[in-house]
Amino acid sequence: MGTAVRRAIAFVILMSIPTLADAEMSLTDMQKADALAKIIGHAEQCGYGIDDVKLEDYYSKSGLNNPEVFSHITNLIELNSLNASPTKSECTMARLTAKKIGILTQ
């Protein structure tokens, strides 16, 4: 499947995701959720690991542990999987952010 087709599919999926869940999230929670989705979604392709215990702690303490945010994160991870592989720069930013929030494996 070509890149253009993948992007078209991702766009259609994105447009069909209900915005009700997004309406329940604050802008800050949405930004945290977006970043977390990218960190988790890029981990395997970028060659870094996520510590599940530390992720659970971060997820809970940051207030992201509710159904609306969970739905948003899982939708974004699915959409990211349809896109082209992350660039080296995206991998660097995701890895460094994972390290900063304390969820990167040692």
N, C-alpha and C. Protein backbone atom coordinates (compact mmCIF):
# COMPACT_ATOMS: atom_id res chain seq x y z
N MET A 1 0.85 -1.17 0.00
CA MET A 1 0.00 0.00 0.00
C MET A 1 0.89 1.23 0.00
N GLY A 2 0.63 2.16 -0.90
CA GLY A 2 1.45 3.34 -1.03
C GLY A 2 1.22 4.35 0.08
N THR A 3 2.17 5.26 0.22
CA THR A 3 2.10 6.27 1.26
C THR A 3 0.87 7.16 1.11
N ALA A 4 0.55 7.54 -0.12
CA ALA A 4 -0.62 8.40 -0.35
C ALA A 4 -1.91 7.70 0.07
N VAL A 5 -2.00 6.42 -0.21
CA VAL A 5 -3.20 5.67 0.17
C VAL A 5 -3.28 5.56 1.69
N ARG A 6 -2.15 5.27 2.34
CA ARG A 6 -2.14 5.19 3.80
C ARG A 6 -2.58 6.51 4.42
N ARG A 7 -2.06 7.59 3.91
CA ARG A 7 -2.42 8.90 4.46
C ARG A 7 -3.89 9.20 4.23
N ALA A 8 -4.41 8.82 3.08
CA ALA A 8 -5.83 9.02 2.79
C ALA A 8 -6.69 8.22 3.76
N ILE A 9 -6.28 6.98 4.02
CA ILE A 9 -7.03 6.13 4.96
C ILE A 9 -6.95 6.73 6.36
N ALA A 10 -5.76 7.16 6.75
CA ALA A 10 -5.59 7.76 8.08
C ALA A 10 -6.46 9.00 8.22
N PHE A 11 -6.54 9.80 7.16
CA PHE A 11 -7.36 11.01 7.19
C PHE A 11 -8.83 10.66 7.37
N VAL A 12 -9.29 9.67 6.62
CA VAL A 12 -10.69 9.25 6.72
C VAL A 12 -11.00 8.73 8.12
N ILE A 13 -10.09 7.94 8.67
CA ILE A 13 -10.29 7.41 10.03
C ILE A 13 -10.31 8.56 11.03
N LEU A 14 -9.37 9.48 10.89
CA LEU A 14 -9.29 10.60 11.81
C LEU A 14 -10.57 11.43 11.77
N MET A 15 -11.09 11.65 10.61
CA MET A 15 -12.30 12.45 10.48
C MET A 15 -13.53 11.71 11.01
N SER A 16 -13.45 10.39 11.09
CA SER A 16 -14.61 9.63 11.56
C SER A 16 -14.57 9.36 13.06
N ILE A 17 -13.49 9.71 13.72
CA ILE A 17 -13.39 9.50 15.17
C ILE A 17 -14.28 10.53 15.85
N PRO A 18 -15.15 10.07 16.72
CA PRO A 18 -16.03 11.02 17.41
C PRO A 18 -15.24 12.05 18.20
N THR A 19 -15.67 13.27 18.16
CA THR A 19 -14.98 14.33 18.88
C THR A 19 -15.53 14.51 20.28
N LEU A 20 -16.54 13.74 20.65
CA LEU A 20 -17.11 13.84 21.98
C LEU A 20 -16.06 13.57 23.05
N ALA A 21 -15.25 12.54 22.84
CA ALA A 21 -14.20 12.22 23.82
C ALA A 21 -13.23 13.39 23.94
N ASP A 22 -12.87 13.99 22.82
CA ASP A 22 -11.95 15.12 22.84
C ASP A 22 -12.55 16.31 23.60
N ALA A 23 -13.86 16.49 23.49
CA ALA A 23 -14.52 17.60 24.15
C ALA A 23 -14.43 17.47 25.67
N GLU A 24 -14.31 16.25 26.18
CA GLU A 24 -14.24 16.01 27.61
C GLU A 24 -12.83 16.24 28.17
N MET A 25 -11.85 16.38 27.30
CA MET A 25 -10.46 16.54 27.75
C MET A 25 -10.06 18.01 27.72
N SER A 26 -9.23 18.39 28.67
CA SER A 26 -8.66 19.73 28.63
C SER A 26 -7.59 19.76 27.54
N LEU A 27 -7.20 20.94 27.13
CA LEU A 27 -6.15 21.08 26.13
C LEU A 27 -4.85 20.45 26.63
N THR A 28 -4.54 20.65 27.89
CA THR A 28 -3.33 20.08 28.46
C THR A 28 -3.36 18.56 28.42
N ASP A 29 -4.50 17.97 28.82
CA ASP A 29 -4.63 16.51 28.77
C ASP A 29 -4.52 15.99 27.35
N MET A 30 -5.10 16.72 26.40
CA MET A 30 -5.03 16.30 25.00
C MET A 30 -3.59 16.33 24.50
N GLN A 31 -2.85 17.35 24.89
CA GLN A 31 -1.45 17.45 24.48
C GLN A 31 -0.62 16.33 25.11
N LYS A 32 -0.84 16.05 26.39
CA LYS A 32 -0.14 14.95 27.05
C LYS A 32 -0.48 13.62 26.38
N ALA A 33 -1.77 13.44 26.07
CA ALA A 33 -2.22 12.20 25.43
C ALA A 33 -1.60 12.05 24.04
N ASP A 34 -1.57 13.14 23.28
CA ASP A 34 -0.96 13.10 21.94
C ASP A 34 0.51 12.70 22.02
N ALA A 35 1.23 13.32 22.95
CA ALA A 35 2.65 13.00 23.10
C ALA A 35 2.85 11.56 23.54
N LEU A 36 2.03 11.11 24.49
CA LEU A 36 2.15 9.73 24.97
C LEU A 36 1.85 8.74 23.86
N ALA A 37 0.88 9.04 23.03
CA ALA A 37 0.55 8.16 21.91
C ALA A 37 1.73 8.04 20.94
N LYS A 38 2.39 9.15 20.68
CA LYS A 38 3.55 9.11 19.79
C LYS A 38 4.70 8.35 20.42
N ILE A 39 4.94 8.57 21.70
CA ILE A 39 6.02 7.86 22.40
C ILE A 39 5.78 6.36 22.34
N ILE A 40 4.58 5.94 22.69
CA ILE A 40 4.25 4.51 22.69
C ILE A 40 4.26 3.96 21.27
N GLY A 41 3.65 4.69 20.35
CA GLY A 41 3.55 4.24 18.97
C GLY A 41 4.88 4.13 18.24
N HIS A 42 5.85 4.93 18.62
CA HIS A 42 7.15 4.94 17.94
C HIS A 42 8.18 4.03 18.61
N ALA A 43 7.90 3.54 19.80
CA ALA A 43 8.91 2.83 20.59
C ALA A 43 9.59 1.70 19.82
N GLU A 44 8.82 0.82 19.25
CA GLU A 44 9.41 -0.34 18.57
C GLU A 44 10.22 0.08 17.35
N GLN A 45 9.66 0.94 16.52
CA GLN A 45 10.35 1.36 15.30
C GLN A 45 11.59 2.20 15.60
N CYS A 46 11.56 2.91 16.72
CA CYS A 46 12.69 3.78 17.06
C CYS A 46 13.73 3.09 17.93
N GLY A 47 13.45 1.88 18.38
CA GLY A 47 14.43 1.11 19.12
C GLY A 47 14.60 1.47 20.58
N TYR A 48 13.57 2.00 21.21
CA TYR A 48 13.65 2.23 22.65
C TYR A 48 12.49 1.48 23.31
N GLY A 49 12.59 1.31 24.61
CA GLY A 49 11.56 0.58 25.33
C GLY A 49 10.84 1.44 26.35
N ILE A 50 9.62 1.03 26.65
CA ILE A 50 8.81 1.72 27.66
C ILE A 50 8.70 0.79 28.86
N ASP A 51 9.02 1.32 30.03
CA ASP A 51 8.90 0.57 31.28
C ASP A 51 7.42 0.60 31.69
N ASP A 52 6.77 -0.55 31.70
CA ASP A 52 5.34 -0.62 31.97
C ASP A 52 4.98 -0.12 33.37
N VAL A 53 5.80 -0.40 34.35
CA VAL A 53 5.52 0.06 35.72
C VAL A 53 5.61 1.58 35.78
N LYS A 54 6.64 2.14 35.16
CA LYS A 54 6.80 3.60 35.15
C LYS A 54 5.69 4.26 34.32
N LEU A 55 5.28 3.60 33.23
CA LEU A 55 4.18 4.12 32.42
C LEU A 55 2.90 4.17 33.24
N GLU A 56 2.62 3.10 33.98
CA GLU A 56 1.42 3.07 34.81
C GLU A 56 1.44 4.21 35.82
N ASP A 57 2.57 4.44 36.44
CA ASP A 57 2.71 5.52 37.42
C ASP A 57 2.49 6.88 36.76
N TYR A 58 3.14 7.12 35.62
CA TYR A 58 2.99 8.39 34.92
C TYR A 58 1.54 8.59 34.48
N TYR A 59 0.95 7.57 33.89
CA TYR A 59 -0.42 7.63 33.37
C TYR A 59 -1.40 8.00 34.48
N SER A 60 -1.22 7.41 35.63
CA SER A 60 -2.11 7.67 36.76
C SER A 60 -1.86 9.05 37.36
N LYS A 61 -0.60 9.37 37.65
CA LYS A 61 -0.27 10.64 38.30
C LYS A 61 -0.55 11.85 37.43
N SER A 62 -0.48 11.68 36.11
CA SER A 62 -0.72 12.82 35.21
C SER A 62 -2.20 13.05 34.96
N GLY A 63 -3.06 12.19 35.51
CA GLY A 63 -4.50 12.36 35.35
C GLY A 63 -5.05 11.89 34.02
N LEU A 64 -4.28 11.09 33.31
CA LEU A 64 -4.71 10.62 31.99
C LEU A 64 -5.53 9.33 32.07
N ASN A 65 -5.66 8.77 33.25
CA ASN A 65 -6.30 7.46 33.39
C ASN A 65 -7.83 7.56 33.47
N ASN A 66 -8.42 7.96 32.36
CA ASN A 66 -9.87 7.95 32.26
C ASN A 66 -10.26 7.47 30.86
N PRO A 67 -11.48 7.03 30.68
CA PRO A 67 -11.88 6.43 29.40
C PRO A 67 -11.72 7.35 28.18
N GLU A 68 -11.98 8.63 28.35
CA GLU A 68 -11.89 9.56 27.22
C GLU A 68 -10.45 9.67 26.71
N VAL A 69 -9.53 9.82 27.65
CA VAL A 69 -8.12 9.95 27.27
C VAL A 69 -7.61 8.62 26.72
N PHE A 70 -7.98 7.52 27.34
CA PHE A 70 -7.56 6.21 26.85
C PHE A 70 -8.01 6.01 25.41
N SER A 71 -9.25 6.35 25.12
CA SER A 71 -9.78 6.22 23.76
C SER A 71 -8.99 7.10 22.79
N HIS A 72 -8.70 8.31 23.20
CA HIS A 72 -7.94 9.24 22.36
C HIS A 72 -6.54 8.68 22.07
N ILE A 73 -5.87 8.19 23.10
CA ILE A 73 -4.52 7.66 22.93
C ILE A 73 -4.52 6.45 22.01
N THR A 74 -5.43 5.51 22.24
CA THR A 74 -5.45 4.31 21.41
C THR A 74 -5.80 4.63 19.96
N ASN A 75 -6.70 5.58 19.73
CA ASN A 75 -7.01 6.01 18.36
C ASN A 75 -5.79 6.60 17.67
N LEU A 76 -5.05 7.42 18.41
CA LEU A 76 -3.85 8.03 17.82
C LEU A 76 -2.77 7.01 17.52
N ILE A 77 -2.59 6.04 18.40
CA ILE A 77 -1.60 4.99 18.16
C ILE A 77 -1.98 4.23 16.89
N GLU A 78 -3.25 3.92 16.73
CA GLU A 78 -3.72 3.22 15.53
C GLU A 78 -3.47 4.07 14.28
N LEU A 79 -3.78 5.34 14.35
CA LEU A 79 -3.54 6.23 13.20
C LEU A 79 -2.05 6.32 12.87
N ASN A 80 -1.22 6.44 13.90
CA ASN A 80 0.23 6.52 13.68
C ASN A 80 0.76 5.27 13.00
N SER A 81 0.15 4.13 13.29
CA SER A 81 0.62 2.88 12.69
C SER A 81 0.36 2.84 11.19
N LEU A 82 -0.57 3.64 10.71
CA LEU A 82 -0.89 3.69 9.28
C LEU A 82 0.06 4.61 8.51
N ASN A 83 0.72 5.49 9.22
CA ASN A 83 1.62 6.45 8.58
C ASN A 83 2.99 5.83 8.30
N ALA A 84 3.77 6.57 7.56
CA ALA A 84 5.14 6.14 7.27
C ALA A 84 5.93 6.04 8.57
N SER A 85 7.02 5.31 8.53
CA SER A 85 7.88 5.17 9.70
C SER A 85 8.33 6.54 10.19
N PRO A 86 8.50 6.67 11.50
CA PRO A 86 8.96 7.96 12.03
C PRO A 86 10.37 8.27 11.54
N THR A 87 10.65 9.55 11.39
CA THR A 87 11.98 9.97 10.98
C THR A 87 12.94 9.86 12.17
N LYS A 88 14.21 9.98 11.89
CA LYS A 88 15.22 9.93 12.95
C LYS A 88 14.97 11.05 13.96
N SER A 89 14.58 12.22 13.49
CA SER A 89 14.30 13.35 14.39
C SER A 89 13.10 13.06 15.27
N GLU A 90 12.05 12.46 14.69
CA GLU A 90 10.86 12.11 15.48
C GLU A 90 11.22 11.08 16.55
N CYS A 91 12.07 10.12 16.18
CA CYS A 91 12.52 9.12 17.14
C CYS A 91 13.30 9.76 18.29
N THR A 92 14.17 10.68 17.94
CA THR A 92 14.96 11.38 18.96
C THR A 92 14.06 12.14 19.92
N MET A 93 13.10 12.88 19.37
CA MET A 93 12.20 13.66 20.23
C MET A 93 11.34 12.75 21.10
N ALA A 94 10.83 11.66 20.54
CA ALA A 94 10.00 10.74 21.31
C ALA A 94 10.80 10.08 22.43
N ARG A 95 12.02 9.63 22.10
CA ARG A 95 12.87 8.98 23.10
C ARG A 95 13.24 9.95 24.23
N LEU A 96 13.62 11.17 23.87
CA LEU A 96 14.01 12.15 24.90
C LEU A 96 12.82 12.56 25.76
N THR A 97 11.64 12.65 25.17
CA THR A 97 10.45 12.98 25.94
C THR A 97 10.09 11.83 26.88
N ALA A 98 10.21 10.59 26.39
CA ALA A 98 9.96 9.42 27.24
C ALA A 98 10.92 9.43 28.43
N LYS A 99 12.17 9.79 28.17
CA LYS A 99 13.16 9.87 29.24
C LYS A 99 12.79 10.97 30.23
N LYS A 100 12.38 12.13 29.72
CA LYS A 100 12.03 13.28 30.56
C LYS A 100 10.85 12.97 31.48
N ILE A 101 9.85 12.25 30.97
CA ILE A 101 8.68 11.94 31.81
C ILE A 101 8.89 10.68 32.64
N GLY A 102 10.04 10.03 32.46
CA GLY A 102 10.43 8.92 33.33
C GLY A 102 9.86 7.57 32.97
N ILE A 103 9.53 7.34 31.69
CA ILE A 103 8.96 6.04 31.32
C ILE A 103 9.87 5.20 30.43
N LEU A 104 11.03 5.72 30.10
CA LEU A 104 11.97 5.02 29.25
C LEU A 104 12.64 3.89 30.06
N THR A 105 12.80 2.73 29.42
CA THR A 105 13.52 1.64 30.10
C THR A 105 14.98 2.04 30.23
N GLN A 106 15.62 1.47 31.22
CA GLN A 106 17.05 1.79 31.45
C GLN A 106 17.95 1.03 30.51
